[in-house]
Each structure stands twice: as structure tokens, then as C-alpha cells.
Amino acid sequence: MAKEIQLTLKEGDKAPDFSAETSGGGRVSLSELKGKQVVLYFYPKDDTPGCTKEACAFRDAYADFRKKGAVVLGVSTDPVKSHDKFIEKFKLPFTLLADPEKKIVHDYGVWGEKSFMGRKYMGTNRVTFLIYANGRIKKIWPKVKPEEHADEVLAAL
């Protein structure tokens, strides 16, 4: 079992700004989204079982997120090319951010030690941040069950 992640950010803190390449060849920064609620969800890797379940749950609830005026952004350290394939394969309607330099995962404190089948390694922890329109963190989910998570986030909007 991986040790409990120690997040440096708390609810009420100002969300760290970022600028990143996106799926589809664009670029997005948090400051551009000021005035909108942002669901920023971090996941370990494109096209893996848990990450696919989580992404598809956000996909299936996407219309409800839009109705509530929320922007959904997924972040992993995978490159844009991997994100594009993941989006195409599962028809994901939201943007994925590429963070191969690990700047965003470090700024949000979600990069850390993980464990799988007794092997320890460094990776992205599955954590979601709900960011108010004013740029402050409204809610943090440090433990995420991929299949149910989109509904939890939707209920908090």
C-alpha cells in the first residue's frame, strides 16, 4: 500500500497558475479560465484501467459539468501525442494537459512515492482539485475511486 499522500495545498488556498500544451495541439493556462469553476484532475497514465474508468466517468457526466459552468481538465505527465490517442479511443470531450516536465504535478503536490505489487516508484497520485471562479481551491479529493469520482465532483459544484 502506498503511503498517504501529504498535500501542500489546502482548501481555500490560491490554486497555482499553470500553462501547458493540450490535447489537440492547443495551450491552456489557469489564469485564462478565471471566472470559471475548474475541475483539475490528476491521473497517472493514459489508457490504463483506472485512468480509463475515471476519464470515461467524466466523459459520461460531461454535459452535466457544462450545465453547471465547470471546465474539466485532466492532467498527466504523458505527452500530447499519448493524450490525443486516449481522447480519440474513448471519445473524451474535455481537454487533457501534458506535463512531461512534471511542473504542474509538483506545483500541486501530487507527485510522490507510489507502490505497486511491492515495488516502490515515483509517480502521479490520483487527486482532484475543484477551483472556484476566483482561482481559490474549493475542494480537494486526495483519494479517488475512478468509477464514482465524477459524480462526487459534480455533487460539489
Protein backbone atom coordinates (compact mmCIF):
# COMPACT_ATOMS: atom_id res chain seq x y z
CA MET A 1 0.00 0.00 0.00
CA ALA A 2 1.35 3.42 -0.94
CA LYS A 3 1.92 5.80 1.90
CA GLU A 4 -0.65 8.55 2.46
CA ILE A 5 -0.01 11.50 0.16
CA GLN A 6 0.87 14.70 2.02
CA LEU A 7 -0.61 17.57 0.04
CA THR A 8 0.95 21.01 0.44
CA LEU A 9 -2.16 22.82 -0.83
CA LYS A 10 -5.31 23.20 1.26
CA GLU A 11 -8.89 24.14 0.54
CA GLY A 12 -9.06 27.94 0.40
CA ASP A 13 -5.51 28.32 -0.96
CA LYS A 14 -4.89 30.12 -4.25
CA ALA A 15 -4.50 27.49 -6.96
CA PRO A 16 -1.05 27.62 -8.60
CA ASP A 17 -1.24 29.03 -12.13
CA PHE A 18 -0.01 26.82 -14.95
CA SER A 19 0.36 26.90 -18.69
CA ALA A 20 0.53 23.64 -20.59
CA GLU A 21 0.23 22.06 -24.01
CA THR A 22 -3.09 20.35 -24.51
CA SER A 23 -4.57 17.54 -26.47
CA GLY A 24 -5.35 18.72 -29.97
CA GLY A 25 -2.28 20.96 -30.13
CA GLY A 26 -3.50 23.90 -28.06
CA ARG A 27 -2.29 25.54 -24.91
CA VAL A 28 -4.19 26.49 -21.77
CA SER A 29 -3.40 28.33 -18.56
CA LEU A 30 -5.39 28.56 -15.36
CA SER A 31 -5.31 32.37 -15.47
CA GLU A 32 -7.19 32.23 -18.83
CA LEU A 33 -10.02 30.40 -17.08
CA LYS A 34 -10.55 32.99 -14.36
CA GLY A 35 -14.28 33.43 -13.82
CA LYS A 36 -15.00 29.73 -14.40
CA GLN A 37 -15.03 26.80 -11.99
CA VAL A 38 -12.30 24.35 -12.97
CA VAL A 39 -12.17 20.63 -12.22
CA LEU A 40 -8.46 19.81 -12.35
CA TYR A 41 -7.99 16.08 -12.05
CA PHE A 42 -4.60 14.40 -11.93
CA TYR A 43 -4.20 10.82 -13.09
CA PRO A 44 -1.20 8.51 -13.51
CA LYS A 45 -1.25 7.37 -17.16
CA ASP A 46 -3.31 7.43 -20.35
CA ASP A 47 -5.15 4.27 -21.39
CA THR A 48 -4.60 2.28 -18.18
CA PRO A 49 -7.56 0.59 -16.46
CA GLY A 50 -8.19 3.00 -13.55
CA CYS A 51 -7.41 6.11 -15.58
CA THR A 52 -9.72 4.98 -18.38
CA LYS A 53 -12.58 4.35 -15.91
CA GLU A 54 -12.08 7.80 -14.39
CA ALA A 55 -11.86 9.58 -17.77
CA CYS A 56 -14.94 7.77 -19.08
CA ALA A 57 -16.90 8.70 -15.94
CA PHE A 58 -16.03 12.37 -16.54
CA ARG A 59 -16.95 11.87 -20.22
CA ASP A 60 -20.34 10.37 -19.36
CA ALA A 61 -21.15 13.23 -16.94
CA TYR A 62 -19.61 15.95 -19.12
CA ALA A 63 -22.92 17.52 -20.20
CA ASP A 64 -23.81 17.98 -16.51
CA PHE A 65 -20.45 19.64 -15.81
CA ARG A 66 -21.05 22.02 -18.72
CA LYS A 67 -24.58 22.83 -17.46
CA LYS A 68 -23.02 23.83 -14.13
CA GLY A 69 -20.48 26.01 -15.95
CA ALA A 70 -17.44 23.91 -15.00
CA VAL A 71 -14.37 23.29 -17.13
CA VAL A 72 -12.92 19.77 -16.83
CA LEU A 73 -9.16 19.35 -17.31
CA GLY A 74 -7.24 16.11 -16.91
CA VAL A 75 -3.50 16.23 -16.18
CA SER A 76 -0.84 13.55 -16.51
CA THR A 77 2.84 13.51 -17.34
CA ASP A 78 2.10 11.80 -20.67
CA PRO A 79 2.97 13.69 -23.89
CA VAL A 80 0.34 15.35 -26.11
CA LYS A 81 0.55 12.52 -28.67
CA SER A 82 -0.48 9.99 -26.00
CA HIS A 83 -3.34 12.27 -24.88
CA ASP A 84 -4.58 12.60 -28.46
CA LYS A 85 -4.74 8.79 -28.84
CA PHE A 86 -6.50 8.43 -25.45
CA ILE A 87 -9.10 11.07 -26.40
CA GLU A 88 -9.68 9.50 -29.81
CA LYS A 89 -10.02 5.96 -28.45
CA PHE A 90 -12.53 6.85 -25.71
CA LYS A 91 -14.19 9.92 -27.34
CA LEU A 92 -13.28 12.20 -24.42
CA PRO A 93 -14.93 15.63 -24.82
CA PHE A 94 -12.67 17.54 -22.42
CA THR A 95 -9.08 18.76 -22.55
CA LEU A 96 -6.07 16.82 -21.30
CA LEU A 97 -2.94 18.71 -20.26
CA ALA A 98 0.54 17.33 -20.97
CA ASP A 99 3.01 17.79 -18.10
CA PRO A 100 6.11 15.82 -19.22
CA GLU A 101 8.42 18.18 -17.28
CA LYS A 102 6.32 17.45 -14.15
CA LYS A 103 5.93 21.14 -13.29
CA ILE A 104 2.16 21.06 -12.64
CA VAL A 105 2.25 17.79 -10.68
CA HIS A 106 5.00 19.27 -8.47
CA ASP A 107 3.22 22.64 -8.06
CA TYR A 108 0.06 20.85 -6.92
CA GLY A 109 1.98 18.36 -4.76
CA VAL A 110 0.57 15.24 -6.39
CA TRP A 111 3.92 13.73 -7.50
CA GLY A 112 5.18 11.24 -4.95
CA GLU A 113 6.09 7.74 -3.93
CA LYS A 114 3.72 5.01 -5.01
CA SER A 115 3.77 1.25 -4.64
CA PHE A 116 2.55 -1.50 -6.94
CA MET A 117 2.97 -5.20 -6.17
CA GLY A 118 5.65 -4.40 -3.61
CA ARG A 119 7.68 -2.20 -5.94
CA LYS A 120 8.10 1.44 -4.94
CA TYR A 121 8.39 4.14 -7.59
CA MET A 122 7.66 7.83 -8.15
CA GLY A 123 4.51 8.82 -9.98
CA THR A 124 1.38 10.95 -10.18
CA ASN A 125 -1.17 10.37 -7.44
CA ARG A 126 -4.84 10.39 -8.39
CA VAL A 127 -6.02 13.68 -6.85
CA THR A 128 -8.68 16.18 -7.95
CA PHE A 129 -8.92 19.91 -7.22
CA LEU A 130 -12.10 21.93 -7.65
CA ILE A 131 -11.09 25.54 -8.23
CA TYR A 132 -13.51 28.42 -7.69
CA ALA A 133 -14.03 31.06 -10.37
CA ASN A 134 -11.82 33.39 -8.26
CA GLY A 135 -8.86 30.98 -8.52
CA ARG A 136 -9.06 29.60 -4.97
CA ILE A 137 -9.27 25.88 -4.22
CA LYS A 138 -12.84 24.99 -3.22
CA LYS A 139 -12.36 21.26 -2.60
CA ILE A 140 -9.66 18.60 -2.82
CA TRP A 141 -10.18 14.87 -3.24
CA PRO A 142 -6.91 13.17 -2.18
CA LYS A 143 -8.37 9.65 -2.51
CA VAL A 144 -10.30 8.89 -5.65
CA LYS A 145 -12.33 5.85 -6.69
CA PRO A 146 -12.19 6.15 -10.50
CA GLU A 147 -15.69 4.85 -11.27
CA GLU A 148 -17.54 7.07 -8.75
CA HIS A 149 -15.40 10.15 -8.74
CA ALA A 150 -17.09 12.25 -11.44
CA ASP A 151 -20.39 12.05 -9.51
CA GLU A 152 -18.67 13.19 -6.28
CA VAL A 153 -17.20 16.21 -8.06
CA LEU A 154 -20.50 17.03 -9.76
CA ALA A 155 -22.27 16.98 -6.37
CA ALA A 156 -19.77 19.55 -5.04
CA LEU A 157 -20.44 22.08 -7.83
